Amino acid sequence: ATAGHAAPALLDAIAAEAAPRLGEFTEQGLANTAWSFAVADTLFSAALMDFFGHDFGRRCDVLAKSFSDEELSQLHQWWLWYAGERGQTTGLPSQGLLQRCRVAFSATEARPSKLQRQVGSTLSSLGLSPQEEVQTEEGYSLDYVVEWCGQQVAIEVDGPSHFVGRKPSGATLLKRRQLRHVGWRLVSIPYWEWDELRKDLTAEDNDAGEKEGSGVGSMMTLRERQMAYVEAAIARQARSV
């Protein structure tokens, strides 16, 4: 699930095997398993309904005092999937534990990267007055939120940790899906596309040097190129909704 690869048959088999052994699950095992099902977004089968039956919530409550903040955060994302996306109510942990999960998830400290700062500066150059690190009602943190043609658009600056190769990781896919489920319009800025803007400019500069004196017009600056890229990405998302 970490790599974002959904395997419904495998997860169904895991659920069937795990349901009778819920009482043996550790805090980490319970949180990791629940989170993996949320990432996969698998269809509900009899085995899955059995696993997430009343015993699941009871087991969570038994272990409530021992969950780490990371495990509580995983359970919160599971709850957003199970109750929010799938509309299920059977087997939920107590409201007290769910509240702790929400608090732990929301408390994750944001550390804006250099790349994120560059994108934020570009958004400001476009006159979009970006709001940084906006927290949603669900507890997610959005890198930037801007208004575009009367619509609120979230800008997510995705560095290498958000991908496996160049495919979004399970955590990235889960965040995108859950935010879109509650109505957010999302624009992703992958790190390699941003890096390519600088590489392309360097290549053009070299080419321009060879053509010096030939009457070729001036090239776009890096900031102009970044502004054009971001503006086009936001416009595409606005049109797609």
C-alpha atoms as a PDB file:
ATOM      1  CA  ALA A   1       0.000   0.000   0.000  1.00  0.00           C
ATOM      2  CA  THR A   2       2.947   2.326   0.598  1.00  0.00           C
ATOM      3  CA  ALA A   3       3.649   2.333  -3.126  1.00  0.00           C
ATOM      4  CA  GLY A   4       0.006   2.909  -3.986  1.00  0.00           C
ATOM      5  CA  HIS A   5      -0.525  -0.513  -5.534  1.00  0.00           C
ATOM      6  CA  ALA A   6      -4.029  -1.757  -4.803  1.00  0.00           C
ATOM      7  CA  ALA A   7      -4.330  -5.558  -4.693  1.00  0.00           C
ATOM      8  CA  PRO A   8      -8.001  -6.308  -3.922  1.00  0.00           C
ATOM      9  CA  ALA A   9      -7.678 -10.125  -3.976  1.00  0.00           C
ATOM     10  CA  LEU A  10      -4.687 -10.029  -1.640  1.00  0.00           C
ATOM     11  CA  LEU A  11      -6.337  -7.603   0.758  1.00  0.00           C
ATOM     12  CA  ASP A  12      -9.512  -9.676   0.754  1.00  0.00           C
ATOM     13  CA  ALA A  13      -7.478 -12.748   1.686  1.00  0.00           C
ATOM     14  CA  ILE A  14      -5.702 -10.799   4.441  1.00  0.00           C
ATOM     15  CA  ALA A  15      -9.046  -9.634   5.847  1.00  0.00           C
ATOM     16  CA  ALA A  16     -10.421 -13.192   5.890  1.00  0.00           C
ATOM     17  CA  GLU A  17      -7.308 -14.479   7.653  1.00  0.00           C
ATOM     18  CA  ALA A  18      -7.066 -11.594  10.105  1.00  0.00           C
ATOM     19  CA  ALA A  19     -10.683 -11.282  11.258  1.00  0.00           C
ATOM     20  CA  PRO A  20     -10.612 -14.283  13.646  1.00  0.00           C
ATOM     21  CA  ARG A  21      -7.273 -13.074  15.062  1.00  0.00           C
ATOM     22  CA  LEU A  22      -8.119  -9.445  15.800  1.00  0.00           C
ATOM     23  CA  GLY A  23      -7.478 -10.020  19.467  1.00  0.00           C
ATOM     24  CA  GLU A  24      -3.821 -10.789  18.658  1.00  0.00           C
ATOM     25  CA  PHE A  25      -3.179  -7.536  16.776  1.00  0.00           C
ATOM     26  CA  THR A  26      -0.677  -5.062  18.206  1.00  0.00           C
ATOM     27  CA  GLU A  27      -1.182  -1.319  17.988  1.00  0.00           C
ATOM     28  CA  GLN A  28       1.138  -1.049  14.990  1.00  0.00           C
ATOM     29  CA  GLY A  29      -0.351  -4.042  13.216  1.00  0.00           C
ATOM     30  CA  LEU A  30      -3.890  -2.759  13.657  1.00  0.00           C
ATOM     31  CA  ALA A  31      -3.086   0.775  12.467  1.00  0.00           C
ATOM     32  CA  ASN A  32      -0.961  -0.379   9.523  1.00  0.00           C
ATOM     33  CA  THR A  33      -3.598  -2.846   8.343  1.00  0.00           C
ATOM     34  CA  ALA A  34      -6.438  -0.336   8.579  1.00  0.00           C
ATOM     35  CA  TRP A  35      -4.379   2.315   6.757  1.00  0.00           C
ATOM     36  CA  SER A  36      -3.478  -0.139   3.973  1.00  0.00           C
ATOM     37  CA  PHE A  37      -7.148  -0.836   3.297  1.00  0.00           C
ATOM     38  CA  ALA A  38      -7.792   2.923   3.168  1.00  0.00           C
ATOM     39  CA  VAL A  39      -5.006   3.420   0.628  1.00  0.00           C
ATOM     40  CA  ALA A  40      -6.218   0.548  -1.544  1.00  0.00           C
ATOM     41  CA  ASP A  41      -9.854   1.769  -1.374  1.00  0.00           C
ATOM     42  CA  THR A  42     -10.932  -1.786  -2.031  1.00  0.00           C
ATOM     43  CA  LEU A  43     -14.585  -2.734  -2.497  1.00  0.00           C
ATOM     44  CA  PHE A  44     -16.339  -4.061   0.572  1.00  0.00           C
ATOM     45  CA  SER A  45     -16.554  -7.838   0.584  1.00  0.00           C
ATOM     46  CA  ALA A  46     -17.945 -10.180   3.224  1.00  0.00           C
ATOM     47  CA  ALA A  47     -14.400 -10.721   4.526  1.00  0.00           C
ATOM     48  CA  LEU A  48     -13.795  -6.985   4.804  1.00  0.00           C
ATOM     49  CA  MET A  49     -17.096  -6.389   6.575  1.00  0.00           C
ATOM     50  CA  ASP A  50     -16.203  -9.173   8.992  1.00  0.00           C
ATOM     51  CA  PHE A  51     -12.769  -7.688   9.715  1.00  0.00           C
ATOM     52  CA  PHE A  52     -14.156  -4.214  10.337  1.00  0.00           C
ATOM     53  CA  GLY A  53     -17.053  -5.532  12.391  1.00  0.00           C
ATOM     54  CA  HIS A  54     -17.680  -4.713  16.031  1.00  0.00           C
ATOM     55  CA  ASP A  55     -14.518  -6.495  17.201  1.00  0.00           C
ATOM     56  CA  PHE A  56     -12.309  -4.050  15.270  1.00  0.00           C
ATOM     57  CA  GLY A  57     -13.587  -1.034  17.174  1.00  0.00           C
ATOM     58  CA  ARG A  58     -13.395  -2.915  20.462  1.00  0.00           C
ATOM     59  CA  ARG A  59      -9.781  -3.915  19.788  1.00  0.00           C
ATOM     60  CA  CYS A  60      -8.903  -0.295  18.995  1.00  0.00           C
ATOM     61  CA  ASP A  61     -10.417   0.813  22.296  1.00  0.00           C
ATOM     62  CA  VAL A  62      -8.548  -1.880  24.239  1.00  0.00           C
ATOM     63  CA  LEU A  63      -5.259  -0.599  22.791  1.00  0.00           C
ATOM     64  CA  ALA A  64      -6.272   3.076  22.928  1.00  0.00           C
ATOM     65  CA  LYS A  65      -3.740   4.170  25.542  1.00  0.00           C
ATOM     66  CA  SER A  66      -0.826   2.541  23.713  1.00  0.00           C
ATOM     67  CA  PHE A  67      -1.201   4.001  20.191  1.00  0.00           C
ATOM     68  CA  SER A  68       1.629   6.287  19.045  1.00  0.00           C
ATOM     69  CA  ASP A  69       0.820   9.583  17.326  1.00  0.00           C
ATOM     70  CA  GLU A  70       1.738   8.030  13.976  1.00  0.00           C
ATOM     71  CA  GLU A  71      -0.621   5.125  14.562  1.00  0.00           C
ATOM     72  CA  LEU A  72      -3.394   7.469  15.663  1.00  0.00           C
ATOM     73  CA  SER A  73      -2.866   9.450  12.457  1.00  0.00           C
ATOM     74  CA  GLN A  74      -3.143   6.278  10.389  1.00  0.00           C
ATOM     75  CA  LEU A  75      -6.404   5.412  12.123  1.00  0.00           C
ATOM     76  CA  HIS A  76      -7.733   8.891  11.405  1.00  0.00           C
ATOM     77  CA  GLN A  77      -7.083   8.438   7.675  1.00  0.00           C
ATOM     78  CA  TRP A  78      -8.728   5.013   7.917  1.00  0.00           C
ATOM     79  CA  TRP A  79     -11.779   6.647   9.533  1.00  0.00           C
ATOM     80  CA  LEU A  80     -11.917   9.279   6.763  1.00  0.00           C
ATOM     81  CA  TRP A  81     -12.068   6.401   4.284  1.00  0.00           C
ATOM     82  CA  TYR A  82     -14.275   3.965   6.190  1.00  0.00           C
ATOM     83  CA  ALA A  83     -16.883   6.379   7.531  1.00  0.00           C
ATOM     84  CA  GLY A  84     -16.364   9.306   5.149  1.00  0.00           C
ATOM     85  CA  GLU A  85     -15.720   7.842   1.721  1.00  0.00           C
ATOM     86  CA  ARG A  86     -17.468   4.501   2.260  1.00  0.00           C
ATOM     87  CA  GLY A  87     -20.203   5.622   4.651  1.00  0.00           C
ATOM     88  CA  GLN A  88     -19.688   2.730   7.074  1.00  0.00           C
ATOM     89  CA  THR A  89     -20.622   2.965  10.767  1.00  0.00           C
ATOM     90  CA  THR A  90     -20.196  -0.596  12.061  1.00  0.00           C
ATOM     91  CA  GLY A  91     -17.177  -1.320  14.213  1.00  0.00           C
ATOM     92  CA  LEU A  92     -16.059   2.252  14.825  1.00  0.00           C
ATOM     93  CA  PRO A  93     -13.848   2.943  17.846  1.00  0.00           C
ATOM     94  CA  SER A  94     -15.161   5.180  20.617  1.00  0.00           C
ATOM     95  CA  GLN A  95     -15.664   8.875  19.970  1.00  0.00           C
ATOM     96  CA  GLY A  96     -12.939   9.628  22.487  1.00  0.00           C
ATOM     97  CA  LEU A  97     -10.380   7.615  20.540  1.00  0.00           C
ATOM     98  CA  LEU A  98     -11.517   9.040  17.205  1.00  0.00           C
ATOM     99  CA  GLN A  99     -11.037  12.537  18.615  1.00  0.00           C
ATOM    100  CA  ARG A 100      -7.500  11.651  19.736  1.00  0.00           C
ATOM    101  CA  CYS A 101      -6.812  10.364  16.223  1.00  0.00           C
ATOM    102  CA  ARG A 102      -8.020  13.654  14.745  1.00  0.00           C
ATOM    103  CA  VAL A 103      -5.874  15.698  17.120  1.00  0.00           C
ATOM    104  CA  ALA A 104      -2.740  13.632  16.431  1.00  0.00           C
ATOM    105  CA  PHE A 105      -3.246  13.854  12.667  1.00  0.00           C
ATOM    106  CA  SER A 106      -3.832  17.597  12.740  1.00  0.00           C
ATOM    107  CA  ALA A 107      -0.811  18.233  14.955  1.00  0.00           C
ATOM    108  CA  THR A 108       1.716  17.056  12.356  1.00  0.00           C
ATOM    109  CA  GLU A 109       4.181  19.925  11.980  1.00  0.00           C
ATOM    110  CA  ALA A 110       4.596  21.322   8.476  1.00  0.00           C
ATOM    111  CA  ARG A 111       8.139  21.971   7.260  1.00  0.00           C
ATOM    112  CA  PRO A 112       7.976  23.944   4.009  1.00  0.00           C
ATOM    113  CA  SER A 113      10.787  22.964   1.645  1.00  0.00           C
ATOM    114  CA  LYS A 114      12.877  25.236  -0.551  1.00  0.00           C
ATOM    115  CA  LEU A 115      10.842  23.999  -3.501  1.00  0.00           C
ATOM    116  CA  GLN A 116       7.596  24.901  -1.751  1.00  0.00           C
ATOM    117  CA  ARG A 117       8.899  28.395  -1.012  1.00  0.00           C
ATOM    118  CA  GLN A 118       9.809  28.861  -4.674  1.00  0.00           C
ATOM    119  CA  VAL A 119       6.303  27.883  -5.765  1.00  0.00           C
ATOM    120  CA  GLY A 120       4.797  30.177  -3.134  1.00  0.00           C
ATOM    121  CA  SER A 121       6.899  33.077  -4.385  1.00  0.00           C
ATOM    122  CA  THR A 122       5.728  32.356  -7.917  1.00  0.00           C
ATOM    123  CA  LEU A 123       2.083  32.351  -6.813  1.00  0.00           C
ATOM    124  CA  SER A 124       2.666  35.748  -5.200  1.00  0.00           C
ATOM    125  CA  SER A 125       4.234  37.037  -8.430  1.00  0.00           C
ATOM    126  CA  LEU A 126       1.018  36.032 -10.180  1.00  0.00           C
ATOM    127  CA  GLY A 127      -0.909  38.212  -7.724  1.00  0.00           C
ATOM    128  CA  LEU A 128      -2.775  35.247  -6.232  1.00  0.00           C
ATOM    129  CA  SER A 129      -2.054  36.053  -2.552  1.00  0.00           C
ATOM    130  CA  PRO A 130      -1.454  32.416  -1.536  1.00  0.00           C
ATOM    131  CA  GLN A 131      -2.413  31.195   1.918  1.00  0.00           C
ATOM    132  CA  GLU A 132       0.287  28.848   3.212  1.00  0.00           C
ATOM    133  CA  GLU A 133      -0.232  25.611   5.181  1.00  0.00           C
ATOM    134  CA  VAL A 134      -4.025  25.784   5.295  1.00  0.00           C
ATOM    135  CA  GLN A 135      -5.580  23.093   7.475  1.00  0.00           C
ATOM    136  CA  THR A 136      -8.807  21.502   6.270  1.00  0.00           C
ATOM    137  CA  GLU A 137     -11.700  20.389   8.472  1.00  0.00           C
ATOM    138  CA  GLU A 138     -10.466  16.816   8.002  1.00  0.00           C
ATOM    139  CA  GLY A 139      -7.059  17.718   9.441  1.00  0.00           C
ATOM    140  CA  TYR A 140      -5.049  17.730   6.215  1.00  0.00           C
ATOM    141  CA  SER A 141      -2.539  20.512   5.616  1.00  0.00           C
ATOM    142  CA  LEU A 142      -2.523  22.110   2.159  1.00  0.00           C
ATOM    143  CA  ASP A 143       0.730  23.701   0.975  1.00  0.00           C
ATOM    144  CA  TYR A 144      -1.088  26.672  -0.561  1.00  0.00           C
ATOM    145  CA  VAL A 145      -4.634  27.770  -1.265  1.00  0.00           C
ATOM    146  CA  VAL A 146      -5.389  30.420  -3.879  1.00  0.00           C
ATOM    147  CA  GLU A 147      -8.529  31.848  -5.410  1.00  0.00           C
ATOM    148  CA  TRP A 148      -8.859  31.341  -9.149  1.00  0.00           C
ATOM    149  CA  CYS A 149     -11.892  32.612 -11.043  1.00  0.00           C
ATOM    150  CA  GLY A 150     -13.915  32.594  -7.845  1.00  0.00           C
ATOM    151  CA  GLN A 151     -12.847  29.051  -6.900  1.00  0.00           C
ATOM    152  CA  GLN A 152     -10.648  27.901  -4.028  1.00  0.00           C
ATOM    153  CA  VAL A 153      -7.784  25.827  -5.442  1.00  0.00           C
ATOM    154  CA  ALA A 154      -5.257  23.875  -3.365  1.00  0.00           C
ATOM    155  CA  ILE A 155      -1.648  23.751  -4.571  1.00  0.00           C
ATOM    156  CA  GLU A 156       0.361  20.740  -3.434  1.00  0.00           C
ATOM    157  CA  VAL A 157       4.135  20.927  -3.999  1.00  0.00           C
ATOM    158  CA  ASP A 158       5.216  17.296  -4.243  1.00  0.00           C
ATOM    159  CA  GLY A 159       8.877  16.538  -3.591  1.00  0.00           C
ATOM    160  CA  PRO A 160      10.681  13.172  -3.986  1.00  0.00           C
ATOM    161  CA  SER A 161       9.181  11.716  -0.779  1.00  0.00           C
ATOM    162  CA  HIS A 162       5.728  11.871  -2.388  1.00  0.00           C
ATOM    163  CA  PHE A 163       6.667   9.409  -5.112  1.00  0.00           C
ATOM    164  CA  VAL A 164       7.979   5.915  -5.761  1.00  0.00           C
ATOM    165  CA  GLY A 165       9.950   6.547  -8.899  1.00  0.00           C
ATOM    166  CA  ARG A 166       7.625   8.980 -10.622  1.00  0.00           C
ATOM    167  CA  LYS A 167       4.415   7.359  -9.456  1.00  0.00           C
ATOM    168  CA  PRO A 168       2.614   8.888  -6.457  1.00  0.00           C
ATOM    169  CA  SER A 169       3.110   6.941  -3.238  1.00  0.00           C
ATOM    170  CA  GLY A 170       0.209   5.367  -1.396  1.00  0.00           C
ATOM    171  CA  ALA A 171       0.167   8.211   1.128  1.00  0.00           C
ATOM    172  CA  THR A 172       0.089  10.814  -1.655  1.00  0.00           C
ATOM    173  CA  LEU A 173      -2.731   9.059  -3.506  1.00  0.00           C
ATOM    174  CA  LEU A 174      -4.715   8.712  -0.285  1.00  0.00           C
ATOM    175  CA  LYS A 175      -4.397  12.399   0.545  1.00  0.00           C
ATOM    176  CA  ARG A 176      -5.382  13.486  -2.965  1.00  0.00           C
ATOM    177  CA  ARG A 177      -8.365  11.146  -3.064  1.00  0.00           C
ATOM    178  CA  GLN A 178      -9.692  12.112   0.347  1.00  0.00           C
ATOM    179  CA  LEU A 179      -9.343  15.829  -0.328  1.00  0.00           C
ATOM    180  CA  ARG A 180     -11.136  15.530  -3.670  1.00  0.00           C
ATOM    181  CA  HIS A 181     -13.859  13.519  -1.964  1.00  0.00           C
ATOM    182  CA  VAL A 182     -14.728  16.509   0.217  1.00  0.00           C
ATOM    183  CA  GLY A 183     -14.675  18.896  -2.729  1.00  0.00           C
ATOM    184  CA  TRP A 184     -11.165  20.311  -2.962  1.00  0.00           C
ATOM    185  CA  ARG A 185      -9.748  21.230  -6.362  1.00  0.00           C
ATOM    186  CA  LEU A 186      -6.115  20.105  -6.329  1.00  0.00           C
ATOM    187  CA  VAL A 187      -3.099  21.091  -8.404  1.00  0.00           C
ATOM    188  CA  SER A 188       0.040  18.995  -7.983  1.00  0.00           C
ATOM    189  CA  ILE A 189       3.458  20.493  -8.739  1.00  0.00           C
ATOM    190  CA  PRO A 190       5.831  17.500  -9.115  1.00  0.00           C
ATOM    191  CA  TYR A 191       9.428  18.287  -8.247  1.00  0.00           C
ATOM    192  CA  TRP A 192      10.866  17.011 -11.537  1.00  0.00           C
ATOM    193  CA  GLU A 193       8.614  19.218 -13.651  1.00  0.00           C
ATOM    194  CA  TRP A 194       9.723  22.228 -11.612  1.00  0.00           C
ATOM    195  CA  ASP A 195      13.373  21.240 -11.993  1.00  0.00           C
ATOM    196  CA  GLU A 196      12.932  20.864 -15.751  1.00  0.00           C
ATOM    197  CA  LEU A 197      12.011  24.551 -16.040  1.00  0.00           C
ATOM    198  CA  ARG A 198      15.521  25.479 -14.917  1.00  0.00           C
ATOM    199  CA  LYS A 199      17.184  22.810 -17.059  1.00  0.00           C
ATOM    200  CA  ASP A 200      15.259  23.904 -20.151  1.00  0.00           C
ATOM    201  CA  LEU A 201      16.258  27.502 -19.514  1.00  0.00           C
ATOM    202  CA  THR A 202      19.930  26.560 -19.237  1.00  0.00           C
ATOM    203  CA  ALA A 203      19.709  24.680 -22.522  1.00  0.00           C
ATOM    204  CA  GLU A 204      18.082  27.673 -24.210  1.00  0.00           C
ATOM    205  CA  ASP A 205      20.730  30.009 -22.788  1.00  0.00           C
ATOM    206  CA  ASN A 206      23.457  27.840 -24.284  1.00  0.00           C
ATOM    207  CA  ASP A 207      21.655  27.744 -27.599  1.00  0.00           C
ATOM    208  CA  ALA A 208      21.155  31.511 -27.514  1.00  0.00           C
ATOM    209  CA  GLY A 209      24.875  32.001 -26.943  1.00  0.00           C
ATOM    210  CA  GLU A 210      25.637  30.136 -30.134  1.00  0.00           C
ATOM    211  CA  LYS A 211      23.156  32.325 -32.011  1.00  0.00           C
ATOM    212  CA  GLU A 212      24.359  35.623 -30.559  1.00  0.00           C
ATOM    213  CA  GLY A 213      24.107  38.390 -33.084  1.00  0.00           C
ATOM    214  CA  SER A 214      21.599  36.487 -35.211  1.00  0.00           C
ATOM    215  CA  GLY A 215      18.680  38.721 -34.195  1.00  0.00           C
ATOM    216  CA  VAL A 216      16.985  36.089 -32.031  1.00  0.00           C
ATOM    217  CA  GLY A 217      14.596  37.706 -29.501  1.00  0.00           C
ATOM    218  CA  SER A 218      15.185  37.561 -25.744  1.00  0.00           C
ATOM    219  CA  MET A 219      14.289  34.342 -23.921  1.00  0.00           C
ATOM    220  CA  MET A 220      11.834  34.044 -21.013  1.00  0.00           C
ATOM    221  CA  THR A 221      13.415  34.462 -17.608  1.00  0.00           C
ATOM    222  CA  LEU A 222      13.203  31.599 -15.111  1.00  0.00           C
ATOM    223  CA  ARG A 223      10.533  33.428 -13.082  1.00  0.00           C
ATOM    224  CA  GLU A 224       8.464  34.072 -16.219  1.00  0.00           C
ATOM    225  CA  ARG A 225       8.735  30.398 -17.105  1.00  0.00           C
ATOM    226  CA  GLN A 226       7.695  29.364 -13.589  1.00  0.00           C
ATOM    227  CA  MET A 227       4.757  31.766 -13.628  1.00  0.00           C
ATOM    228  CA  ALA A 228       3.553  30.456 -16.979  1.00  0.00           C
ATOM    229  CA  TYR A 229       3.837  26.855 -15.767  1.00  0.00           C
ATOM    230  CA  VAL A 230       1.902  27.447 -12.528  1.00  0.00           C
ATOM    231  CA  GLU A 231      -0.773  29.545 -14.210  1.00  0.00           C
ATOM    232  CA  ALA A 232      -1.355  26.858 -16.846  1.00  0.00           C
ATOM    233  CA  ALA A 233      -1.538  24.101 -14.193  1.00  0.00           C
ATOM    234  CA  ILE A 234      -4.164  25.988 -12.177  1.00  0.00           C
ATOM    235  CA  ALA A 235      -6.177  26.855 -15.288  1.00  0.00           C
ATOM    236  CA  ARG A 236      -6.241  23.190 -16.391  1.00  0.00           C
ATOM    237  CA  GLN A 237      -7.563  22.071 -13.011  1.00  0.00           C
ATOM    238  CA  ALA A 238     -10.217  24.808 -12.956  1.00  0.00           C
ATOM    239  CA  ARG A 239     -11.451  23.748 -16.411  1.00  0.00           C
ATOM    240  CA  SER A 240     -11.527  20.049 -15.505  1.00  0.00           C
ATOM    241  CA  VAL A 241     -14.093  20.481 -12.726  1.00  0.00           C
END
